[in-house]
PDB file of N, CA and C in Angstrom:
ATOM      1  N   MET A   1      69.774 -22.621   1.159  1.00  0.00           N
ATOM      2  CA  MET A   1      68.744 -22.513   1.885  1.00  0.00           C
ATOM      3  C   MET A   1      67.495 -23.805   2.248  1.00  0.00           C
ATOM      4  N   LEU A   2      67.022 -24.014   1.103  1.00  0.00           N
ATOM      5  CA  LEU A   2      66.485 -25.732   0.883  1.00  0.00           C
ATOM      6  C   LEU A   2      67.312 -26.544   0.569  1.00  0.00           C
ATOM      7  N   GLU A   3      68.552 -25.938   0.424  1.00  0.00           N
ATOM      8  CA  GLU A   3      69.852 -27.124  -0.507  1.00  0.00           C
ATOM      9  C   GLU A   3      69.627 -28.526   0.587  1.00  0.00           C
ATOM     10  N   GLN A   4      68.968 -28.746   1.731  1.00  0.00           N
ATOM     11  CA  GLN A   4      69.435 -30.209   2.486  1.00  0.00           C
ATOM     12  C   GLN A   4      68.087 -30.585   2.517  1.00  0.00           C
ATOM     13  N   LEU A   5      67.142 -29.732   2.155  1.00  0.00           N
ATOM     14  CA  LEU A   5      65.538 -29.975   1.874  1.00  0.00           C
ATOM     15  C   LEU A   5      64.894 -31.071   0.509  1.00  0.00           C
ATOM     16  N   PHE A   6      65.488 -30.218  -0.592  1.00  0.00           N
ATOM     17  CA  PHE A   6      65.383 -30.847  -2.004  1.00  0.00           C
ATOM     18  C   PHE A   6      66.508 -31.865  -2.549  1.00  0.00           C
ATOM     19  N   GLY A   7      67.866 -31.787  -1.200  1.00  0.00           N
ATOM     20  CA  GLY A   7      68.562 -32.942  -1.635  1.00  0.00           C
ATOM     21  C   GLY A   7      69.887 -32.244  -2.525  1.00  0.00           C
ATOM     22  N   SER A   8      69.990 -31.349  -2.952  1.00  0.00           N
ATOM     23  CA  SER A   8      71.284 -30.579  -3.819  1.00  0.00           C
ATOM     24  C   SER A   8      70.984 -29.263  -4.479  1.00  0.00           C
ATOM     25  N   LYS A   9      71.959 -28.218  -4.387  1.00  0.00           N
ATOM     26  CA  LYS A   9      71.854 -26.949  -5.003  1.00  0.00           C
ATOM     27  C   LYS A   9      71.789 -26.362  -5.899  1.00  0.00           C
ATOM     28  N   ASN A  10      71.602 -27.821  -6.756  1.00  0.00           N
ATOM     29  CA  ASN A  10      71.406 -27.314  -7.972  1.00  0.00           C
ATOM     30  C   ASN A  10      69.710 -27.499  -8.076  1.00  0.00           C
ATOM     31  N   ALA A  11      69.060 -28.761  -7.626  1.00  0.00           N
ATOM     32  CA  ALA A  11      67.419 -28.813  -7.346  1.00  0.00           C
ATOM     33  C   ALA A  11      67.217 -26.880  -6.404  1.00  0.00           C
ATOM     34  N   GLU A  12      68.015 -26.834  -5.381  1.00  0.00           N
ATOM     35  CA  GLU A  12      67.117 -25.356  -4.812  1.00  0.00           C
ATOM     36  C   GLU A  12      66.836 -24.404  -5.828  1.00  0.00           C
ATOM     37  N   ARG A  13      68.434 -24.452  -7.191  1.00  0.00           N
ATOM     38  CA  ARG A  13      68.796 -23.154  -8.045  1.00  0.00           C
ATOM     39  C   ARG A  13      67.479 -23.739  -8.922  1.00  0.00           C
ATOM     40  N   VAL A  14      67.203 -24.657  -9.788  1.00  0.00           N
ATOM     41  CA  VAL A  14      66.396 -24.852 -10.645  1.00  0.00           C
ATOM     42  C   VAL A  14      65.117 -24.573  -9.974  1.00  0.00           C
ATOM     43  N   LEU A  15      64.429 -25.052  -8.753  1.00  0.00           N
ATOM     44  CA  LEU A  15      63.089 -24.135  -8.487  1.00  0.00           C
ATOM     45  C   LEU A  15      62.526 -23.128  -7.852  1.00  0.00           C
ATOM     46  N   MET A  16      64.168 -22.433  -7.340  1.00  0.00           N
ATOM     47  CA  MET A  16      64.143 -20.939  -7.407  1.00  0.00           C
ATOM     48  C   MET A  16      63.472 -20.032  -8.685  1.00  0.00           C
ATOM     49  N   TYR A  17      64.630 -20.816  -9.624  1.00  0.00           N
ATOM     50  CA  TYR A  17      64.303 -19.693 -10.875  1.00  0.00           C
ATOM     51  C   TYR A  17      63.201 -19.855 -11.357  1.00  0.00           C
ATOM     52  N   ILE A  18      63.112 -21.347 -11.468  1.00  0.00           N
ATOM     53  CA  ILE A  18      61.317 -21.592 -12.306  1.00  0.00           C
ATOM     54  C   ILE A  18      60.429 -20.598 -11.192  1.00  0.00           C
ATOM     55  N   PHE A  19      60.487 -20.335  -9.793  1.00  0.00           N
ATOM     56  CA  PHE A  19      59.431 -19.645  -9.395  1.00  0.00           C
ATOM     57  C   PHE A  19      59.663 -18.016  -9.678  1.00  0.00           C
ATOM     58  N   ALA A  20      60.820 -17.948  -9.451  1.00  0.00           N
ATOM     59  CA  ALA A  20      60.916 -16.676  -9.691  1.00  0.00           C
ATOM     60  C   ALA A  20      60.540 -16.176 -10.758  1.00  0.00           C
ATOM     61  N   ARG A  21      60.961 -16.610 -12.141  1.00  0.00           N
ATOM     62  CA  ARG A  21      60.591 -16.491 -13.515  1.00  0.00           C
ATOM     63  C   ARG A  21      59.827 -17.126 -14.025  1.00  0.00           C
ATOM     64  N   GLU A  22      59.040 -17.854 -13.613  1.00  0.00           N
ATOM     65  CA  GLU A  22      57.613 -18.801 -14.307  1.00  0.00           C
ATOM     66  C   GLU A  22      58.500 -19.619 -15.181  1.00  0.00           C
ATOM     67  N   GLU A  23      59.211 -19.322 -15.939  1.00  0.00           N
ATOM     68  CA  GLU A  23      59.761 -20.723 -16.760  1.00  0.00           C
ATOM     69  C   GLU A  23      61.005 -20.062 -16.814  1.00  0.00           C
ATOM     70  N   GLY A  24      62.226 -21.651 -17.496  1.00  0.00           N
ATOM     71  CA  GLY A  24      63.372 -21.157 -17.446  1.00  0.00           C
ATOM     72  C   GLY A  24      64.040 -22.547 -18.747  1.00  0.00           C
ATOM     73  N   TYR A  25      65.096 -22.427 -18.934  1.00  0.00           N
ATOM     74  CA  TYR A  25      65.482 -23.320 -20.195  1.00  0.00           C
ATOM     75  C   TYR A  25      66.995 -23.664 -19.573  1.00  0.00           C
ATOM     76  N   ALA A  26      67.681 -24.904 -19.653  1.00  0.00           N
ATOM     77  CA  ALA A  26      68.404 -25.175 -18.955  1.00  0.00           C
ATOM     78  C   ALA A  26      70.047 -24.045 -18.590  1.00  0.00           C
ATOM     79  N   ARG A  27      70.247 -23.748 -19.906  1.00  0.00           N
ATOM     80  CA  ARG A  27      70.847 -23.268 -20.511  1.00  0.00           C
ATOM     81  C   ARG A  27      71.110 -21.540 -19.763  1.00  0.00           C
ATOM     82  N   GLU A  28      69.696 -21.014 -19.732  1.00  0.00           N
ATOM     83  CA  GLU A  28      69.404 -19.737 -19.221  1.00  0.00           C
ATOM     84  C   GLU A  28      69.828 -19.844 -17.303  1.00  0.00           C
ATOM     85  N   ILE A  29      69.471 -20.615 -16.906  1.00  0.00           N
ATOM     86  CA  ILE A  29      69.886 -20.822 -15.678  1.00  0.00           C
ATOM     87  C   ILE A  29      71.068 -21.388 -15.030  1.00  0.00           C
ATOM     88  N   ALA A  30      71.948 -22.216 -16.393  1.00  0.00           N
ATOM     89  CA  ALA A  30      73.159 -22.227 -15.689  1.00  0.00           C
ATOM     90  C   ALA A  30      74.017 -20.982 -16.115  1.00  0.00           C
ATOM     91  N   TYR A  31      73.692 -19.775 -16.369  1.00  0.00           N
ATOM     92  CA  TYR A  31      73.849 -18.566 -17.106  1.00  0.00           C
ATOM     93  C   TYR A  31      73.836 -17.645 -15.795  1.00  0.00           C
ATOM     94  N   PHE A  32      72.824 -18.081 -15.231  1.00  0.00           N
ATOM     95  CA  PHE A  32      72.126 -16.838 -14.082  1.00  0.00           C
ATOM     96  C   PHE A  32      72.909 -17.471 -13.097  1.00  0.00           C
ATOM     97  N   TYR A  33      73.428 -18.368 -12.828  1.00  0.00           N
ATOM     98  CA  TYR A  33      73.995 -19.304 -11.702  1.00  0.00           C
ATOM     99  C   TYR A  33      75.669 -19.071 -12.103  1.00  0.00           C
ATOM    100  N   ASP A  34      75.888 -19.059 -13.481  1.00  0.00           N
ATOM    101  CA  ASP A  34      76.888 -19.280 -13.542  1.00  0.00           C
ATOM    102  C   ASP A  34      78.110 -20.537 -12.689  1.00  0.00           C
ATOM    103  N   THR A  35      76.568 -21.390 -13.494  1.00  0.00           N
ATOM    104  CA  THR A  35      77.417 -22.997 -13.522  1.00  0.00           C
ATOM    105  C   THR A  35      77.391 -23.713 -14.486  1.00  0.00           C
ATOM    106  N   ASP A  36      77.869 -25.390 -14.370  1.00  0.00           N
ATOM    107  CA  ASP A  36      78.342 -26.137 -15.372  1.00  0.00           C
ATOM    108  C   ASP A  36      76.606 -26.317 -15.856  1.00  0.00           C
ATOM    109  N   LEU A  37      76.585 -26.761 -17.299  1.00  0.00           N
ATOM    110  CA  LEU A  37      75.317 -26.612 -17.877  1.00  0.00           C
ATOM    111  C   LEU A  37      74.409 -28.492 -17.207  1.00  0.00           C
ATOM    112  N   LYS A  38      75.182 -29.339 -17.256  1.00  0.00           N
ATOM    113  CA  LYS A  38      74.874 -30.413 -17.326  1.00  0.00           C
ATOM    114  C   LYS A  38      74.244 -30.952 -15.997  1.00  0.00           C
ATOM    115  N   PRO A  39      74.673 -30.564 -14.856  1.00  0.00           N
ATOM    116  CA  PRO A  39      73.844 -30.729 -13.609  1.00  0.00           C
ATOM    117  C   PRO A  39      72.554 -30.234 -13.525  1.00  0.00           C
ATOM    118  N   ILE A  40      72.257 -29.042 -14.189  1.00  0.00           N
ATOM    119  CA  ILE A  40      71.287 -28.334 -14.360  1.00  0.00           C
ATOM    120  C   ILE A  40      69.857 -29.077 -15.124  1.00  0.00           C
ATOM    121  N   GLN A  41      70.429 -29.719 -16.262  1.00  0.00           N
ATOM    122  CA  GLN A  41      69.749 -30.382 -17.210  1.00  0.00           C
ATOM    123  C   GLN A  41      68.794 -31.652 -16.476  1.00  0.00           C
ATOM    124  N   ASN A  42      70.270 -31.932 -16.026  1.00  0.00           N
ATOM    125  CA  ASN A  42      70.120 -33.086 -14.996  1.00  0.00           C
ATOM    126  C   ASN A  42      68.596 -33.258 -14.273  1.00  0.00           C
ATOM    127  N   GLN A  43      68.821 -31.920 -13.299  1.00  0.00           N
ATOM    128  CA  GLN A  43      68.219 -31.631 -12.185  1.00  0.00           C
ATOM    129  C   GLN A  43      67.077 -31.412 -12.694  1.00  0.00           C
ATOM    130  N   LEU A  44      66.477 -30.661 -14.350  1.00  0.00           N
ATOM    131  CA  LEU A  44      65.675 -30.501 -14.772  1.00  0.00           C
ATOM    132  C   LEU A  44      64.883 -31.508 -15.175  1.00  0.00           C
ATOM    133  N   GLU A  45      65.533 -32.990 -15.585  1.00  0.00           N
ATOM    134  CA  GLU A  45      64.981 -33.568 -16.058  1.00  0.00           C
ATOM    135  C   GLU A  45      64.369 -34.555 -14.965  1.00  0.00           C
ATOM    136  N   LYS A  46      64.822 -34.689 -13.976  1.00  0.00           N
ATOM    137  CA  LYS A  46      64.387 -35.455 -12.211  1.00  0.00           C
ATOM    138  C   LYS A  46      63.113 -34.749 -12.234  1.00  0.00           C
ATOM    139  N   PHE A  47      63.057 -33.316 -11.938  1.00  0.00           N
ATOM    140  CA  PHE A  47      61.965 -32.874 -11.356  1.00  0.00           C
ATOM    141  C   PHE A  47      60.680 -33.333 -12.871  1.00  0.00           C
ATOM    142  N   GLU A  48      61.108 -33.217 -13.967  1.00  0.00           N
ATOM    143  CA  GLU A  48      60.516 -33.520 -14.953  1.00  0.00           C
ATOM    144  C   GLU A  48      59.651 -35.005 -14.972  1.00  0.00           C
ATOM    145  N   ALA A  49      60.682 -35.632 -14.662  1.00  0.00           N
ATOM    146  CA  ALA A  49      60.376 -37.165 -14.487  1.00  0.00           C
ATOM    147  C   ALA A  49      58.902 -37.464 -13.134  1.00  0.00           C
ATOM    148  N   ALA A  50      59.478 -36.547 -11.659  1.00  0.00           N
ATOM    149  CA  ALA A  50      58.986 -36.490 -10.992  1.00  0.00           C
ATOM    150  C   ALA A  50      57.562 -36.407 -11.488  1.00  0.00           C
ATOM    151  N   GLY A  51      56.959 -35.154 -12.265  1.00  0.00           N
ATOM    152  CA  GLY A  51      55.821 -34.182 -12.454  1.00  0.00           C
ATOM    153  C   GLY A  51      55.652 -33.231 -11.730  1.00  0.00           C
ATOM    154  N   VAL A  52      56.787 -32.515 -11.082  1.00  0.00           N
ATOM    155  CA  VAL A  52      56.956 -31.056 -10.829  1.00  0.00           C
ATOM    156  C   VAL A  52      57.124 -30.178 -11.803  1.00  0.00           C
ATOM    157  N   LEU A  53      57.726 -29.984 -12.999  1.00  0.00           N
ATOM    158  CA  LEU A  53      57.832 -29.543 -13.764  1.00  0.00           C
ATOM    159  C   LEU A  53      56.967 -30.352 -15.376  1.00  0.00           C
ATOM    160  N   VAL A  54      56.914 -29.365 -16.487  1.00  0.00           N
ATOM    161  CA  VAL A  54      56.609 -30.008 -17.950  1.00  0.00           C
ATOM    162  C   VAL A  54      57.637 -29.391 -18.684  1.00  0.00           C
ATOM    163  N   SER A  55      57.554 -29.679 -19.911  1.00  0.00           N
ATOM    164  CA  SER A  55      58.450 -28.948 -20.712  1.00  0.00           C
ATOM    165  C   SER A  55      57.855 -28.402 -21.867  1.00  0.00           C
ATOM    166  N   ARG A  56      57.960 -27.733 -22.943  1.00  0.00           N
ATOM    167  CA  ARG A  56      57.299 -27.776 -24.267  1.00  0.00           C
ATOM    168  C   ARG A  56      58.727 -27.130 -25.650  1.00  0.00           C
ATOM    169  N   ALA A  57      58.514 -27.671 -26.645  1.00  0.00           N
ATOM    170  CA  ALA A  57      59.712 -27.571 -27.390  1.00  0.00           C
ATOM    171  C   ALA A  57      59.265 -26.183 -28.120  1.00  0.00           C
ATOM    172  N   VAL A  58      60.260 -25.302 -27.970  1.00  0.00           N
ATOM    173  CA  VAL A  58      59.767 -23.927 -29.068  1.00  0.00           C
ATOM    174  C   VAL A  58      61.487 -23.580 -29.779  1.00  0.00           C
ATOM    175  N   GLY A  59      60.708 -23.754 -31.102  1.00  0.00           N
ATOM    176  CA  GLY A  59      62.074 -24.280 -31.997  1.00  0.00           C
ATOM    177  C   GLY A  59      63.343 -25.249 -31.480  1.00  0.00           C
ATOM    178  N   ARG A  60      64.618 -24.724 -30.974  1.00  0.00           N
ATOM    179  CA  ARG A  60      65.264 -25.875 -30.470  1.00  0.00           C
ATOM    180  C   ARG A  60      65.521 -25.773 -29.126  1.00  0.00           C
ATOM    181  N   THR A  61      64.601 -24.651 -28.395  1.00  0.00           N
ATOM    182  CA  THR A  61      64.861 -24.181 -27.077  1.00  0.00           C
ATOM    183  C   THR A  61      63.686 -24.764 -26.032  1.00  0.00           C
ATOM    184  N   ARG A  62      64.320 -25.490 -25.134  1.00  0.00           N
ATOM    185  CA  ARG A  62      62.881 -26.760 -23.954  1.00  0.00           C
ATOM    186  C   ARG A  62      63.017 -25.715 -22.849  1.00  0.00           C
ATOM    187  N   PRO A  63      61.929 -24.594 -22.326  1.00  0.00           N
ATOM    188  CA  PRO A  63      61.611 -24.120 -21.694  1.00  0.00           C
ATOM    189  C   PRO A  63      60.675 -24.865 -20.407  1.00  0.00           C
ATOM    190  N   TYR A  64      61.107 -25.104 -19.355  1.00  0.00           N
ATOM    191  CA  TYR A  64      60.218 -25.757 -18.066  1.00  0.00           C
ATOM    192  C   TYR A  64      59.571 -24.612 -17.313  1.00  0.00           C
ATOM    193  N   PHE A  65      58.774 -25.203 -16.539  1.00  0.00           N
ATOM    194  CA  PHE A  65      57.777 -24.222 -15.998  1.00  0.00           C
ATOM    195  C   PHE A  65      57.139 -25.429 -15.039  1.00  0.00           C
ATOM    196  N   PHE A  66      56.090 -24.823 -14.020  1.00  0.00           N
ATOM    197  CA  PHE A  66      55.776 -25.939 -13.013  1.00  0.00           C
ATOM    198  C   PHE A  66      54.815 -26.747 -13.806  1.00  0.00           C
ATOM    199  N   ASN A  67      54.254 -27.669 -13.268  1.00  0.00           N
ATOM    200  CA  ASN A  67      53.536 -28.035 -14.104  1.00  0.00           C
ATOM    201  C   ASN A  67      51.963 -28.278 -13.181  1.00  0.00           C
ATOM    202  N   PRO A  68      51.120 -27.524 -13.404  1.00  0.00           N
ATOM    203  CA  PRO A  68      49.748 -26.757 -12.996  1.00  0.00           C
ATOM    204  C   PRO A  68      49.049 -27.838 -12.206  1.00  0.00           C
ATOM    205  N   ARG A  69      49.092 -29.307 -12.717  1.00  0.00           N
ATOM    206  CA  ARG A  69      48.778 -30.447 -12.151  1.00  0.00           C
ATOM    207  C   ARG A  69      49.475 -31.522 -10.455  1.00  0.00           C
ATOM    208  N   TYR A  70      50.549 -30.417 -10.734  1.00  0.00           N
ATOM    209  CA  TYR A  70      51.222 -31.120  -9.636  1.00  0.00           C
ATOM    210  C   TYR A  70      50.504 -31.277  -8.784  1.00  0.00           C
ATOM    211  N   TYR A  71      49.865 -32.174  -7.566  1.00  0.00           N
ATOM    212  CA  TYR A  71      49.159 -32.355  -6.657  1.00  0.00           C
ATOM    213  C   TYR A  71      49.609 -30.882  -5.315  1.00  0.00           C
ATOM    214  N   PHE A  72      51.223 -31.047  -5.162  1.00  0.00           N
ATOM    215  CA  PHE A  72      51.449 -30.386  -4.255  1.00  0.00           C
ATOM    216  C   PHE A  72      52.130 -28.716  -4.514  1.00  0.00           C
ATOM    217  N   LEU A  73      51.515 -28.108  -5.375  1.00  0.00           N
ATOM    218  CA  LEU A  73      52.358 -26.983  -6.037  1.00  0.00           C
ATOM    219  C   LEU A  73      51.844 -25.773  -5.460  1.00  0.00           C
ATOM    220  N   ALA A  74      51.110 -26.126  -4.891  1.00  0.00           N
ATOM    221  CA  ALA A  74      50.331 -24.635  -3.955  1.00  0.00           C
ATOM    222  C   ALA A  74      51.607 -24.544  -2.766  1.00  0.00           C
ATOM    223  N   GLU A  75      51.402 -25.785  -2.019  1.00  0.00           N
ATOM    224  CA  GLU A  75      52.487 -25.867  -0.856  1.00  0.00           C
ATOM    225  C   GLU A  75      53.999 -25.613  -1.214  1.00  0.00           C
ATOM    226  N   LEU A  76      54.174 -26.291  -2.467  1.00  0.00           N
ATOM    227  CA  LEU A  76      55.840 -25.686  -3.446  1.00  0.00           C
ATOM    228  C   LEU A  76      56.149 -24.353  -3.424  1.00  0.00           C
ATOM    229  N   ARG A  77      54.558 -23.631  -3.907  1.00  0.00           N
ATOM    230  CA  ARG A  77      54.871 -22.280  -4.108  1.00  0.00           C
ATOM    231  C   ARG A  77      55.113 -21.522  -2.990  1.00  0.00           C
ATOM    232  N   SER A  78      54.624 -22.203  -2.141  1.00  0.00           N
ATOM    233  CA  SER A  78      54.273 -20.911  -0.729  1.00  0.00           C
ATOM    234  C   SER A  78      55.781 -21.238  -0.045  1.00  0.00           C
ATOM    235  N   LEU A  79      56.235 -22.224  -0.184  1.00  0.00           N
ATOM    236  CA  LEU A  79      57.772 -22.371   0.349  1.00  0.00           C
ATOM    237  C   LEU A  79      58.363 -21.958  -0.136  1.00  0.00           C
ATOM    238  N   LEU A  80      58.661 -21.895  -0.667  1.00  0.00           N
ATOM    239  CA  LEU A  80      59.821 -21.236  -2.207  1.00  0.00           C
ATOM    240  C   LEU A  80      59.497 -19.589  -2.349  1.00  0.00           C
ATOM    241  N   GLY A  81      58.396 -19.164  -2.768  1.00  0.00           N
ATOM    242  CA  GLY A  81      57.818 -17.753  -1.675  1.00  0.00           C
ATOM    243  C   GLY A  81      58.725 -17.053  -0.516  1.00  0.00           C
ATOM    244  N   LYS A  82      58.397 -18.264   0.436  1.00  0.00           N
ATOM    245  CA  LYS A  82      59.040 -17.559   1.841  1.00  0.00           C
ATOM    246  C   LYS A  82      60.463 -17.694   2.223  1.00  0.00           C
ATOM    247  N   SER A  83      60.929 -18.877   1.414  1.00  0.00           N
ATOM    248  CA  SER A  83      62.399 -19.015   1.223  1.00  0.00           C
ATOM    249  C   SER A  83      62.955 -17.924  -0.145  1.00  0.00           C
ATOM    250  N   LEU A  84      62.517 -17.071  -1.161  1.00  0.00           N
ATOM    251  CA  LEU A  84      62.321 -16.023  -1.430  1.00  0.00           C
ATOM    252  C   LEU A  84      63.176 -15.022  -0.692  1.00  0.00           C
ATOM    253  N   SER A  85      62.166 -14.691  -0.095  1.00  0.00           N
ATOM    254  CA  SER A  85      61.840 -13.338   0.991  1.00  0.00           C
ATOM    255  C   SER A  85      62.920 -13.591   1.888  1.00  0.00           C
ATOM    256  N   ALA A  86      63.252 -14.352   2.374  1.00  0.00           N
ATOM    257  CA  ALA A  86      64.830 -14.639   3.466  1.00  0.00           C
ATOM    258  C   ALA A  86      66.372 -14.125   2.816  1.00  0.00           C
ATOM    259  N   TYR A  87      65.704 -14.458   1.209  1.00  0.00           N
ATOM    260  CA  TYR A  87      67.329 -14.184   0.594  1.00  0.00           C
ATOM    261  C   TYR A  87      67.413 -12.180   0.774  1.00  0.00           C
ATOM    262  N   PRO A  88      69.120 -12.003   0.926  1.00  0.00           N
ATOM    263  CA  PRO A  88      69.075 -10.611   0.871  1.00  0.00           C
ATOM    264  C   PRO A  88      68.582  -9.592   0.078  1.00  0.00           C
ATOM    265  N   PRO A  89      68.075  -8.665  -0.198  1.00  0.00           N
ATOM    266  CA  PRO A  89      67.399  -8.070  -0.967  1.00  0.00           C
ATOM    267  C   PRO A  89      68.111  -7.806  -2.279  1.00  0.00           C
ATOM    268  N   GLU A  90      69.488  -7.931  -2.459  1.00  0.00           N
ATOM    269  CA  GLU A  90      69.845  -7.536  -3.686  1.00  0.00           C
ATOM    270  C   GLU A  90      69.803  -9.494  -4.685  1.00  0.00           C
ATOM    271  N   GLU A  91      70.246 -10.238  -4.048  1.00  0.00           N
ATOM    272  CA  GLU A  91      69.198 -11.216  -4.712  1.00  0.00           C
ATOM    273  C   GLU A  91      68.163 -11.428  -4.793  1.00  0.00           C
ATOM    274  N   GLN A  92      67.492 -11.169  -4.249  1.00  0.00           N
ATOM    275  CA  GLN A  92      65.976 -11.253  -4.152  1.00  0.00           C
ATOM    276  C   GLN A  92      65.948 -10.285  -5.735  1.00  0.00           C
ATOM    277  N   GLU A  93      66.099  -8.974  -5.877  1.00  0.00           N
ATOM    278  CA  GLU A  93      66.202  -7.925  -7.146  1.00  0.00           C
ATOM    279  C   GLU A  93      67.040  -8.622  -8.199  1.00  0.00           C
ATOM    280  N   LYS A  94      67.752  -9.512  -8.612  1.00  0.00           N
ATOM    281  CA  LYS A  94      68.544 -10.026  -9.258  1.00  0.00           C
ATOM    282  C   LYS A  94      67.159 -11.434  -9.799  1.00  0.00           C
ATOM    283  N   PHE A  95      66.425 -11.994  -8.775  1.00  0.00           N
ATOM    284  CA  PHE A  95      65.659 -12.865  -9.250  1.00  0.00           C
ATOM    285  C   PHE A  95      64.791 -12.339 -10.351  1.00  0.00           C
ATOM    286  N   LEU A  96      64.104 -11.051  -8.944  1.00  0.00           N
ATOM    287  CA  LEU A  96      63.109 -10.589 -10.490  1.00  0.00           C
ATOM    288  C   LEU A  96      63.071  -9.609 -11.443  1.00  0.00           C
ATOM    289  N   MET A  97      64.362  -9.424 -11.403  1.00  0.00           N
ATOM    290  CA  MET A  97      64.818  -8.722 -12.805  1.00  0.00           C
ATOM    291  C   MET A  97      64.714  -9.999 -13.992  1.00  0.00           C
ATOM    292  N   ASN A  98      63.805  -8.918 -15.086  1.00  0.00           N
ATOM    293  CA  ASN A  98      63.745 -10.226 -15.595  1.00  0.00           C
ATOM    294  C   ASN A  98      63.427  -9.773 -17.040  1.00  0.00           C
ATOM    295  N   ARG A  99      65.058  -9.431 -18.008  1.00  0.00           N
ATOM    296  CA  ARG A  99      64.433  -9.057 -18.865  1.00  0.00           C
ATOM    297  C   ARG A  99      64.626 -10.377 -20.415  1.00  0.00           C
ATOM    298  N   ARG A 100      63.589  -9.865 -20.872  1.00  0.00           N
ATOM    299  CA  ARG A 100      63.385 -11.034 -22.413  1.00  0.00           C
ATOM    300  C   ARG A 100      63.070 -10.136 -23.444  1.00  0.00           C
ATOM    301  N   ARG A 101      62.821  -9.217 -23.301  1.00  0.00           N
ATOM    302  CA  ARG A 101      62.584  -8.998 -24.714  1.00  0.00           C
ATOM    303  C   ARG A 101      63.982  -9.212 -25.857  1.00  0.00           C
ATOM    304  N   PRO A 102      63.835  -9.501 -27.216  1.00  0.00           N
ATOM    305  CA  PRO A 102      64.179  -9.799 -28.242  1.00  0.00           C
ATOM    306  C   PRO A 102      65.398  -8.316 -28.558  1.00  0.00           C
ATOM    307  N   ARG A 103      66.887  -8.266 -28.624  1.00  0.00           N
ATOM    308  CA  ARG A 103      67.619  -7.939 -29.150  1.00  0.00           C
ATOM    309  C   ARG A 103      67.133  -7.349 -30.531  1.00  0.00           C
ATOM    310  N   ALA A 104      67.718  -5.990 -30.484  1.00  0.00           N
ATOM    311  CA  ALA A 104      67.807  -5.221 -31.380  1.00  0.00           C
ATOM    312  C   ALA A 104      69.091  -5.930 -32.831  1.00  0.00           C
ATOM    313  N   ARG A 105      68.153  -6.011 -33.560  1.00  0.00           N
ATOM    314  CA  ARG A 105      69.114  -7.102 -35.028  1.00  0.00           C
ATOM    315  C   ARG A 105      69.983  -5.945 -35.025  1.00  0.00           C
ATOM    316  N   GLY A 106      71.362  -7.229 -35.369  1.00  0.00           N
ATOM    317  CA  GLY A 106      72.704  -6.409 -35.693  1.00  0.00           C
ATOM    318  C   GLY A 106      73.241  -6.419 -34.095  1.00  0.00           C
ATOM    319  N   LYS A 107      72.882  -6.677 -33.058  1.00  0.00           N
ATOM    320  CA  LYS A 107      73.438  -6.004 -31.495  1.00  0.00           C
ATOM    321  C   LYS A 107      74.056  -7.793 -31.334  1.00  0.00           C
ATOM    322  N   HIS A 108      75.102  -7.453 -30.482  1.00  0.00           N
ATOM    323  CA  HIS A 108      75.674  -8.447 -30.427  1.00  0.00           C
ATOM    324  C   HIS A 108      76.182  -8.156 -29.015  1.00  0.00           C
ATOM    325  N   GLU A 109      75.770  -9.518 -28.069  1.00  0.00           N
ATOM    326  CA  GLU A 109      76.231  -9.516 -26.621  1.00  0.00           C
ATOM    327  C   GLU A 109      78.153  -9.880 -26.565  1.00  0.00           C
ATOM    328  N   THR A 110      78.767  -8.597 -25.822  1.00  0.00           N
ATOM    329  CA  THR A 110      80.608  -8.326 -26.299  1.00  0.00           C
ATOM    330  C   THR A 110      80.763  -8.391 -24.725  1.00  0.00           C
ATOM    331  N   SER A 111      82.322 -10.017 -24.586  1.00  0.00           N
ATOM    332  CA  SER A 111      82.428  -9.678 -23.526  1.00  0.00           C
ATOM    333  C   SER A 111      83.449  -8.836 -23.005  1.00  0.00           C
ATOM    334  N   THR A 112      83.455  -8.243 -21.402  1.00  0.00           N
ATOM    335  CA  THR A 112      83.932  -7.326 -20.848  1.00  0.00           C
ATOM    336  C   THR A 112      85.678  -8.036 -19.796  1.00  0.00           C
TER     337      THR A 112
END
């Protein structure tokens, strides 16, 4: 929906994901969209270099979130919010369903 405005599908994906979930890291975003990791990493780095996103090291993970000092943050959030409301209801639900609780000890994800 905002692909033409932001210049690429991955740019839109990264911003929508972080808008809906407040933060995210590259592998998590790539997994969510079932896409390659490298383009997502590149896009996160571009947004960080532009000052739109900031990141911090948490162990070996680097979560990204919106830079609270970004001058156009309120306008960007407004645009992303309006865009999210135009998504089909099932996609909105997928964005907003955010399970981040740690797994129980010994529980492993299985492929089906």
